[in-house]
Amino acid sequence: MDKLDDLHCEACRVGVPQITADELQASMPQIPEWHIETRHGITQLERTYSFKNFIEAMKFTQKVADLAEAEAHHPAILTEWGKVTVTWWTHKIQGLHRNDLICAAKTDGLNR
């Protein structure tokens, strides 16, 4: 299996299939601190990162924004004092695509 953080997002359009449960299960060891959330019937990947203060949380938020722009794939980001919650899913298909796994792995790389 390819290393997720070495890959790049591909253009996604309405109608492409979501990742399968087997694909998701096979990829989760590469992003072990992410968990699956289902909101309004939409499967999403989510992780909360902790920081020592608001400024550090904001710096990380900007790094995630830069990653999102570089990959042309955009998450939900909640920035609070000392923590940032990042949620990836593909809006066009109302669920998870390989792009979400790639971006989750790359987000982890921003916090090293």
Protein backbone atom coordinates (compact mmCIF):
# COMPACT_ATOMS: atom_id res chain seq x y z
CA MET A 1 0.00 0.00 0.00
CA ASP A 2 1.23 3.48 -0.84
CA LYS A 3 2.21 5.84 1.96
CA LEU A 4 -0.70 8.24 2.16
CA ASP A 5 1.38 11.32 2.93
CA ASP A 6 3.43 10.75 -0.25
CA LEU A 7 0.33 10.96 -2.46
CA HIS A 8 -1.57 13.95 -3.83
CA CYS A 9 -5.27 14.56 -4.15
CA GLU A 10 -6.94 13.93 -7.46
CA ALA A 11 -9.78 15.98 -8.85
CA CYS A 12 -13.04 14.63 -7.51
CA ARG A 13 -16.45 15.03 -9.07
CA VAL A 14 -20.02 14.15 -8.23
CA GLY A 15 -20.67 10.47 -8.78
CA VAL A 16 -17.24 9.03 -8.05
CA PRO A 17 -17.47 6.18 -5.56
CA GLN A 18 -16.71 6.61 -1.89
CA ILE A 19 -13.91 4.49 -0.45
CA THR A 20 -14.95 1.03 0.61
CA ALA A 21 -14.96 -0.18 4.19
CA ASP A 22 -12.01 -2.45 3.32
CA GLU A 23 -10.02 0.45 1.86
CA LEU A 24 -10.75 2.54 4.93
CA GLN A 25 -9.76 -0.25 7.32
CA ALA A 26 -6.52 -0.88 5.40
CA SER A 27 -5.60 2.83 5.54
CA MET A 28 -6.42 3.56 9.19
CA PRO A 29 -3.07 2.21 10.54
CA GLN A 30 -1.39 5.11 8.70
CA ILE A 31 -3.61 7.64 10.49
CA PRO A 32 -4.21 5.93 13.86
CA GLU A 33 -5.25 9.01 15.82
CA TRP A 34 -8.07 9.88 13.43
CA HIS A 35 -11.54 8.58 14.10
CA ILE A 36 -14.64 8.10 12.04
CA GLU A 37 -17.62 10.37 12.68
CA THR A 38 -20.99 10.19 10.98
CA ARG A 39 -22.95 13.44 10.85
CA HIS A 40 -26.24 13.74 9.00
CA GLY A 41 -25.49 10.41 7.36
CA ILE A 42 -22.08 11.59 6.08
CA THR A 43 -18.97 9.63 7.08
CA GLN A 44 -16.06 11.92 8.02
CA LEU A 45 -12.51 11.65 9.41
CA GLU A 46 -11.78 13.77 12.47
CA ARG A 47 -8.92 14.49 14.82
CA THR A 48 -8.29 17.06 17.55
CA TYR A 49 -4.75 18.38 18.04
CA SER A 50 -3.63 19.96 21.33
CA PHE A 51 -1.42 23.04 21.69
CA LYS A 52 0.00 25.05 24.58
CA ASN A 53 -1.92 28.23 23.70
CA PHE A 54 -4.14 29.98 21.20
CA ILE A 55 -1.29 31.38 19.11
CA GLU A 56 0.16 27.88 18.51
CA ALA A 57 -3.32 26.61 17.61
CA MET A 58 -3.72 29.47 15.10
CA LYS A 59 -0.31 28.75 13.54
CA PHE A 60 -1.35 25.14 13.01
CA THR A 61 -4.69 26.24 11.58
CA GLN A 62 -2.84 28.32 8.98
CA LYS A 63 -0.67 25.32 8.07
CA VAL A 64 -3.81 23.25 7.53
CA ALA A 65 -5.27 26.03 5.37
CA ASP A 66 -2.08 26.11 3.28
CA LEU A 67 -2.22 22.32 2.86
CA ALA A 68 -5.87 22.52 1.83
CA GLU A 69 -5.10 25.11 -0.82
CA ALA A 70 -2.11 23.12 -2.12
CA GLU A 71 -4.22 19.96 -2.44
CA ALA A 72 -7.40 21.79 -3.59
CA HIS A 73 -9.31 19.90 -0.90
CA HIS A 74 -10.75 21.71 2.10
CA PRO A 75 -11.66 20.49 5.60
CA ALA A 76 -13.77 21.86 8.39
CA ILE A 77 -11.45 23.44 10.97
CA LEU A 78 -12.45 24.43 14.49
CA THR A 79 -9.79 26.49 16.28
CA GLU A 80 -10.11 27.00 20.03
CA TRP A 81 -7.77 27.93 22.84
CA GLY A 82 -5.18 25.15 22.91
CA LYS A 83 -6.79 22.88 20.34
CA VAL A 84 -7.70 22.50 16.70
CA THR A 85 -10.22 19.99 15.39
CA VAL A 86 -9.85 19.06 11.72
CA THR A 87 -12.57 17.16 9.85
CA TRP A 88 -12.05 15.79 6.35
CA TRP A 89 -14.73 14.49 3.98
CA THR A 90 -15.57 15.01 0.35
CA HIS A 91 -18.54 17.30 -0.05
CA LYS A 92 -19.22 16.34 -3.68
CA ILE A 93 -19.82 12.69 -2.81
CA GLN A 94 -21.16 13.22 0.73
CA GLY A 95 -18.62 10.85 2.26
CA LEU A 96 -15.03 9.69 2.27
CA HIS A 97 -12.72 9.56 -0.74
CA ARG A 98 -9.05 8.59 -0.86
CA ASN A 99 -8.29 12.34 -0.88
CA ASP A 100 -9.56 12.55 2.71
CA LEU A 101 -7.14 9.85 3.86
CA ILE A 102 -4.27 11.57 2.03
CA CYS A 103 -5.08 14.92 3.62
CA ALA A 104 -5.46 13.40 7.08
CA ALA A 105 -1.98 11.88 6.80
CA LYS A 106 -0.54 15.15 5.51
CA THR A 107 -2.24 17.05 8.36
CA ASP A 108 -0.47 14.76 10.84
CA GLY A 109 2.82 15.69 9.15
CA LEU A 110 2.18 19.37 9.87
CA ASN A 111 2.22 18.69 13.61
CA ARG A 112 5.59 16.93 13.78
